[in-house]
């Protein structure tokens, strides 16, 4: 039996789908998956042994170059690859109009969530069969429920296995765990960013505790932030820009991870690494890092979580002072996440 998964983005959403693949593979050993995913994330499905063929799509790049002949050529090649196989089932695990269209372009019976339990209800126009899954469940459980009902198997909700073949990441050799911590400081919304001065102070605390600190980055802004955090601290390494597999290797060799609300935090959770995740404007209840050894630090500010990309707080301001450099804590909901407290929580987490 061959099933096509349509879950194209984002990184966290793609990772959230892996436990459902594990459940299905354990219940149906003859089941094989193909997966349509954004080109930037093709490494992730390939880590799972139940995934045979990863079909890359470049929607994010194509939408900026719709009229170019190269875009049309690439789309035709994608469509040809997509339609090369007739699938027993096509599961749209994304629930968007774009993923619904991709599902319909393929050859097979299309499955998705019902219009009352989906982000974009019009996507259901592209499905042959729908299932209702409560909004109150975490994103990981919602996908697991969809797969279990579509493929008719049960699963243990209390056991979460992302199913990643660690040899794909470590190159076949066991990854030695070193006295190091990874700071995942990059994210998308301005309201998700922990203050740079807090990161810098946290790096000083970690160094004083005899830890090496690794700082990845994905764009120029993140690189400059990493350099600021690392300044005058010889225990901090600003990593070269690397692939997801390369970063996963660094995470595997670390004692743990401290992260903001970012897709890479979900990668750490999937690798079963102790992870402190800092939440201010966003709410981890339905889409936070999921699995063992995960600790969410939520803001205690009255307006949090506002789930807004731009802070509209008008109450009392918050400021702090490190290295004789007074600064305003922005966004203010992160004033409740002091570096000293974060590190204490981290040491407790890795100690357990």
Protein backbone atom coordinates (compact mmCIF):
# COMPACT_ATOMS: atom_id res chain seq x y z
CA UNK A 1 0.00 0.00 0.00
CA UNK A 2 1.41 3.37 -1.01
CA UNK A 3 0.21 6.64 0.52
CA UNK A 4 1.07 10.20 -0.45
CA UNK A 5 1.45 12.80 2.30
CA UNK A 6 0.93 16.44 1.40
CA UNK A 7 2.51 18.57 4.13
CA UNK A 8 4.62 21.19 2.45
CA UNK A 9 5.51 23.64 5.22
CA UNK A 10 6.46 25.09 7.64
CA UNK A 11 9.33 23.29 9.37
CA UNK A 12 7.43 22.79 12.62
CA UNK A 13 4.34 21.52 10.79
CA UNK A 14 6.42 19.05 8.78
CA UNK A 15 8.06 17.73 11.95
CA UNK A 16 4.67 17.46 13.66
CA UNK A 17 3.63 14.92 11.00
CA UNK A 18 6.42 12.43 11.74
CA UNK A 19 4.76 10.69 14.75
CA UNK A 20 1.69 9.94 12.62
CA UNK A 21 3.95 8.26 10.07
CA UNK A 22 5.51 6.18 12.86
CA UNK A 23 2.08 5.11 14.13
CA UNK A 24 0.97 4.05 10.66
CA UNK A 25 4.21 2.21 9.90
CA UNK A 26 4.02 0.26 13.15
CA UNK A 27 0.41 -0.74 12.43
CA UNK A 28 0.91 -1.53 8.72
CA UNK A 29 4.40 -2.87 8.00
CA UNK A 30 3.70 -3.04 4.26
CA UNK A 31 2.78 0.63 4.12
CA UNK A 32 5.06 2.96 2.15
CA UNK A 33 4.83 6.75 2.11
CA UNK A 34 5.77 9.37 -0.45
CA UNK A 35 5.78 13.00 0.73
CA UNK A 36 5.34 16.37 -1.00
CA UNK A 37 7.27 19.05 0.89
CA UNK A 38 8.83 22.47 0.30
CA UNK A 39 12.31 22.20 -1.19
CA UNK A 40 13.92 23.74 1.92
CA UNK A 41 12.63 20.91 4.12
CA UNK A 42 13.26 17.82 1.97
CA UNK A 43 15.76 16.45 4.50
CA UNK A 44 13.15 15.98 7.22
CA UNK A 45 10.82 13.36 5.62
CA UNK A 46 13.90 11.50 4.33
CA UNK A 47 14.99 10.89 7.93
CA UNK A 48 12.01 8.58 8.47
CA UNK A 49 12.50 4.95 7.33
CA UNK A 50 8.85 4.62 6.24
CA UNK A 51 9.20 7.42 3.67
CA UNK A 52 10.33 6.17 0.27
CA UNK A 53 10.13 9.12 -2.09
CA UNK A 54 10.34 12.81 -1.18
CA UNK A 55 8.84 15.07 -3.86
CA UNK A 56 10.09 18.65 -3.52
CA UNK A 57 7.90 21.61 -4.39
CA UNK A 58 9.01 25.26 -4.54
CA UNK A 59 5.83 27.24 -3.88
CA UNK A 60 7.64 29.88 -1.83
CA UNK A 61 10.07 30.53 -4.66
CA UNK A 62 7.62 30.12 -7.53
CA UNK A 63 5.12 32.67 -6.24
CA UNK A 64 7.72 35.43 -6.69
CA UNK A 65 8.48 34.32 -10.26
CA UNK A 66 5.13 33.18 -11.65
CA UNK A 67 5.70 34.52 -15.17
CA UNK A 68 9.20 33.14 -15.66
CA UNK A 69 9.55 30.27 -18.11
CA UNK A 70 11.82 28.46 -15.63
CA UNK A 71 8.97 28.42 -13.09
CA UNK A 72 6.61 26.87 -15.63
CA UNK A 73 9.23 24.28 -16.53
CA UNK A 74 9.83 23.37 -12.90
CA UNK A 75 6.10 23.10 -12.22
CA UNK A 76 5.60 20.75 -15.17
CA UNK A 77 8.45 18.57 -13.89
CA UNK A 78 6.91 18.55 -10.40
CA UNK A 79 3.49 17.61 -11.77
CA UNK A 80 4.99 14.80 -13.84
CA UNK A 81 6.79 13.38 -10.81
CA UNK A 82 3.68 13.75 -8.65
CA UNK A 83 1.50 11.87 -11.14
CA UNK A 84 4.01 9.10 -11.87
CA UNK A 85 2.41 6.88 -9.22
CA UNK A 86 -1.21 5.99 -8.49
CA UNK A 87 -1.70 6.14 -4.69
CA UNK A 88 -4.04 4.10 -2.55
CA UNK A 89 -4.60 7.22 -0.44
CA UNK A 90 -3.53 10.85 -0.58
CA UNK A 91 -3.58 12.50 2.85
CA UNK A 92 -3.57 16.29 2.98
CA UNK A 93 -2.16 16.89 6.44
CA UNK A 94 -1.84 20.65 5.84
CA UNK A 95 -5.45 21.75 5.47
CA UNK A 96 -4.82 24.71 3.17
CA UNK A 97 -6.16 25.52 -0.29
CA UNK A 98 -2.66 25.15 -1.77
CA UNK A 99 -2.22 21.68 -0.26
CA UNK A 100 -5.71 20.74 -1.36
CA UNK A 101 -4.86 21.64 -4.94
CA UNK A 102 -1.67 19.56 -4.76
CA UNK A 103 -3.68 16.63 -3.39
CA UNK A 104 -6.15 16.87 -6.27
CA UNK A 105 -3.34 17.03 -8.84
CA UNK A 106 -2.12 13.62 -7.69
CA UNK A 107 -3.68 10.28 -8.62
CA UNK A 108 -5.51 8.70 -5.69
CA UNK A 109 -8.35 8.99 -3.19
CA UNK A 110 -7.84 12.29 -1.35
CA UNK A 111 -8.33 12.54 2.42
CA UNK A 112 -8.41 15.62 4.65
CA UNK A 113 -9.99 17.32 7.64
CA UNK A 114 -13.60 18.50 7.59
CA UNK A 115 -14.48 22.13 6.91
CA UNK A 116 -15.23 22.73 10.61
CA UNK A 117 -11.84 21.46 11.76
CA UNK A 118 -9.57 22.92 9.10
CA UNK A 119 -7.70 26.22 8.76
CA UNK A 120 -9.03 26.98 5.26
CA UNK A 121 -12.46 25.31 4.82
CA UNK A 122 -12.43 25.73 1.02
CA UNK A 123 -9.64 23.13 0.90
CA UNK A 124 -12.28 20.45 1.50
CA UNK A 125 -13.51 21.00 -2.07
CA UNK A 126 -10.48 18.99 -3.20
CA UNK A 127 -11.09 15.97 -0.93
CA UNK A 128 -12.99 12.76 -1.60
CA UNK A 129 -13.39 12.03 2.10
CA UNK A 130 -13.08 14.11 5.26
CA UNK A 131 -12.69 13.48 8.99
CA UNK A 132 -13.42 15.76 11.95
CA UNK A 133 -10.65 16.20 14.52
CA UNK A 134 -11.18 18.62 17.46
CA UNK A 135 -9.37 21.96 17.40
CA UNK A 136 -8.60 21.52 21.10
CA UNK A 137 -5.96 18.86 20.38
CA UNK A 138 -2.27 19.63 19.88
CA UNK A 139 -1.17 19.74 16.23
CA UNK A 140 0.75 16.46 16.63
CA UNK A 141 -2.31 14.65 17.95
CA UNK A 142 -4.56 16.14 15.28
CA UNK A 143 -2.39 14.66 12.54
CA UNK A 144 -2.10 11.35 14.38
CA UNK A 145 -5.88 11.15 14.65
CA UNK A 146 -6.33 11.95 10.95
CA UNK A 147 -3.89 9.21 9.92
CA UNK A 148 -5.35 6.65 12.34
CA UNK A 149 -8.87 7.16 11.03
CA UNK A 150 -7.88 7.28 7.37
CA UNK A 151 -5.68 4.18 7.64
CA UNK A 152 -7.81 2.42 10.28
CA UNK A 153 -5.33 1.79 13.07
CA UNK A 154 -5.06 2.69 16.74
CA UNK A 155 -2.15 4.34 18.54
CA UNK A 156 -1.01 5.06 22.08
CA UNK A 157 -1.49 8.78 22.69
CA UNK A 158 0.94 8.66 25.61
CA UNK A 159 3.83 7.45 23.45
CA UNK A 160 5.29 9.89 20.94
CA UNK A 161 7.90 8.58 18.50
CA UNK A 162 9.07 10.82 15.68
CA UNK A 163 10.75 7.79 14.12
CA UNK A 164 13.88 9.60 12.95
CA UNK A 165 16.71 7.35 11.83
CA UNK A 166 19.60 8.97 13.69
CA UNK A 167 22.14 7.33 11.38
CA UNK A 168 20.88 9.63 8.61
CA UNK A 169 22.03 12.53 10.77
CA UNK A 170 25.17 11.18 12.42
CA UNK A 171 26.52 9.43 9.32
CA UNK A 172 26.20 5.99 10.86
CA UNK A 173 28.38 6.73 13.89
CA UNK A 174 26.96 7.33 17.41
CA UNK A 175 26.99 11.05 18.22
CA UNK A 176 29.07 11.74 21.37
CA UNK A 177 27.28 14.09 23.77
CA UNK A 178 29.47 17.01 24.76
CA UNK A 179 29.17 19.68 27.44
CA UNK A 180 27.55 22.15 25.11
CA UNK A 181 24.21 23.87 24.65
CA UNK A 182 22.57 25.15 21.46
CA UNK A 183 20.82 28.53 21.50
CA UNK A 184 18.06 28.73 18.86
CA UNK A 185 17.64 32.48 18.80
CA UNK A 186 16.20 32.99 15.30
CA UNK A 187 12.48 33.16 14.61
CA UNK A 188 9.98 34.92 12.34
CA UNK A 189 7.68 37.28 14.25
CA UNK A 190 9.18 40.28 16.04
CA UNK A 191 7.07 39.39 19.10
CA UNK A 192 8.74 35.97 19.37
CA UNK A 193 12.27 37.36 19.82
CA UNK A 194 13.84 37.15 23.26
CA UNK A 195 15.95 40.31 23.85
CA UNK A 196 19.50 40.14 22.48
CA UNK A 197 20.93 41.36 25.78
CA UNK A 198 19.21 38.46 27.54
CA UNK A 199 20.80 35.99 25.09
CA UNK A 200 24.17 37.59 25.68
CA UNK A 201 23.82 37.39 29.44
CA UNK A 202 22.61 33.79 29.23
CA UNK A 203 25.71 32.91 27.20
CA UNK A 204 27.88 34.39 29.95
CA UNK A 205 26.06 32.30 32.58
CA UNK A 206 26.45 29.13 30.50
CA UNK A 207 30.15 29.82 29.94
CA UNK A 208 30.66 30.35 33.68
CA UNK A 209 29.05 26.92 34.18
CA UNK A 210 31.73 25.46 31.87
CA UNK A 211 29.47 24.96 28.85
CA UNK A 212 30.28 25.63 25.23
CA UNK A 213 27.54 27.53 23.42
CA UNK A 214 26.64 26.96 19.76
CA UNK A 215 24.82 29.62 17.76
CA UNK A 216 23.30 28.68 14.39
CA UNK A 217 21.90 31.26 11.98
CA UNK A 218 19.93 31.29 8.75
CA UNK A 219 20.13 34.86 7.43
CA UNK A 220 22.22 37.99 7.81
CA UNK A 221 20.13 39.42 10.65
CA UNK A 222 20.51 36.20 12.64
CA UNK A 223 24.23 36.08 11.91
CA UNK A 224 24.68 39.59 13.30
CA UNK A 225 22.66 38.69 16.39
CA UNK A 226 24.81 35.60 16.92
CA UNK A 227 27.97 37.68 16.66
CA UNK A 228 26.59 40.12 19.24
CA UNK A 229 25.77 37.27 21.64
CA UNK A 230 29.25 35.78 21.15
CA UNK A 231 31.23 39.00 21.60
CA UNK A 232 33.96 38.77 24.27
CA UNK A 233 32.99 35.18 25.13
CA UNK A 234 35.46 32.53 24.02
CA UNK A 235 33.06 29.69 24.93
CA UNK A 236 30.63 30.74 22.19
CA UNK A 237 30.90 29.45 18.61
CA UNK A 238 28.95 31.07 15.80
CA UNK A 239 28.39 28.11 13.50
CA UNK A 240 28.87 28.22 9.77
CA UNK A 241 25.62 28.23 7.86
CA UNK A 242 24.56 24.61 7.63
CA UNK A 243 21.83 22.26 6.44
CA UNK A 244 19.05 20.95 8.68
CA UNK A 245 20.94 17.67 8.90
CA UNK A 246 24.10 19.49 9.95
CA UNK A 247 22.26 21.44 12.64
CA UNK A 248 20.53 18.28 13.83
CA UNK A 249 23.99 16.76 14.28
CA UNK A 250 25.04 19.65 16.53
CA UNK A 251 21.84 19.27 18.56
CA UNK A 252 22.41 15.53 18.98
CA UNK A 253 25.85 16.18 20.45
CA UNK A 254 24.57 18.79 22.91
CA UNK A 255 23.31 18.45 26.45
CA UNK A 256 20.23 20.40 25.48
CA UNK A 257 18.70 23.39 23.72
CA UNK A 258 17.31 26.77 24.69
CA UNK A 259 14.98 28.19 22.05
CA UNK A 260 12.40 30.79 21.24
CA UNK A 261 9.20 29.81 19.42
CA UNK A 262 10.83 28.56 16.22
CA UNK A 263 10.60 25.58 13.88
CA UNK A 264 14.08 24.49 14.92
CA UNK A 265 12.79 24.02 18.46
CA UNK A 266 10.48 21.32 17.10
CA UNK A 267 13.53 19.69 15.52
CA UNK A 268 15.13 19.52 18.96
CA UNK A 269 11.97 17.94 20.38
CA UNK A 270 11.91 15.38 17.57
CA UNK A 271 15.49 14.44 18.47
CA UNK A 272 14.38 13.94 22.08
CA UNK A 273 16.76 16.60 23.41
CA UNK A 274 15.97 18.49 26.62
CA UNK A 275 14.64 21.83 25.40
CA UNK A 276 13.60 25.02 27.16
CA UNK A 277 11.25 26.98 24.88
CA UNK A 278 10.52 30.64 25.63
CA UNK A 279 7.00 31.82 24.83
CA UNK A 280 5.78 35.39 25.09
CA UNK A 281 3.17 36.46 22.56
CA UNK A 282 2.49 32.90 21.39
CA UNK A 283 0.70 29.98 23.02
CA UNK A 284 2.40 26.54 23.12
CA UNK A 285 -0.73 24.62 24.11
CA UNK A 286 -1.76 23.68 20.56
CA UNK A 287 1.49 23.96 18.62
CA UNK A 288 4.40 24.11 21.06
CA UNK A 289 7.32 21.70 21.15
CA UNK A 290 5.91 18.25 21.81
CA UNK A 291 7.40 15.15 23.39
CA UNK A 292 9.72 14.10 26.19
CA UNK A 293 12.09 16.51 27.98
CA UNK A 294 10.25 19.63 26.81
CA UNK A 295 9.69 22.62 29.13
CA UNK A 296 7.67 25.65 28.05
CA UNK A 297 8.26 28.94 29.86
CA UNK A 298 5.16 31.10 29.37
CA UNK A 299 4.94 34.82 30.05
CA UNK A 300 2.99 35.90 33.12
CA UNK A 301 2.16 39.32 31.66
CA UNK A 302 -1.61 39.84 31.70
CA UNK A 303 -1.94 40.33 27.92
CA UNK A 304 0.09 37.24 27.02
CA UNK A 305 -0.35 35.27 24.90
CA UNK A 306 -1.79 37.84 22.50
CA UNK A 307 -0.77 35.83 19.39
CA UNK A 308 0.05 39.05 17.54
CA UNK A 309 2.97 39.71 15.22
CA UNK A 310 3.18 43.33 16.44
CA UNK A 311 3.17 44.23 20.11
CA UNK A 312 0.34 46.60 21.12
CA UNK A 313 1.09 46.66 24.86
CA UNK A 314 0.54 50.13 26.39
CA UNK A 315 1.01 49.42 30.10
CA UNK A 316 3.99 49.83 32.38
CA UNK A 317 7.34 49.59 30.62
CA UNK A 318 10.04 47.14 31.65
CA UNK A 319 13.79 47.70 31.60
CA UNK A 320 16.88 45.81 32.67
CA UNK A 321 20.58 46.46 33.07
CA UNK A 322 23.48 44.20 32.09
CA UNK A 323 27.11 45.24 31.67
CA UNK A 324 26.08 48.81 32.64
CA UNK A 325 23.88 48.93 29.52
CA UNK A 326 20.27 49.78 30.46
CA UNK A 327 17.78 48.58 27.84
CA UNK A 328 14.05 48.30 27.41
CA UNK A 329 12.74 44.74 27.44
CA UNK A 330 10.98 44.35 24.10
CA UNK A 331 8.53 42.75 23.74
CA UNK A 332 7.60 43.37 27.39
CA UNK A 333 6.04 39.91 27.84
CA UNK A 334 9.60 38.51 27.92
CA UNK A 335 10.42 40.56 31.03
CA UNK A 336 9.21 37.55 33.01
CA UNK A 337 11.91 35.32 31.42
CA UNK A 338 15.13 36.46 33.13
CA UNK A 339 18.37 34.77 31.97
CA UNK A 340 19.21 33.55 35.49
CA UNK A 341 15.82 31.89 35.82
CA UNK A 342 16.03 30.36 32.35
CA UNK A 343 19.41 28.81 33.12
CA UNK A 344 18.25 27.44 36.47
CA UNK A 345 15.30 25.79 34.69
CA UNK A 346 17.63 24.40 32.03
CA UNK A 347 19.98 22.83 34.57
CA UNK A 348 17.02 21.26 36.36
CA UNK A 349 15.67 19.89 33.07
CA UNK A 350 18.91 18.24 31.96
CA UNK A 351 19.44 16.97 35.50
CA UNK A 352 16.23 14.95 35.29
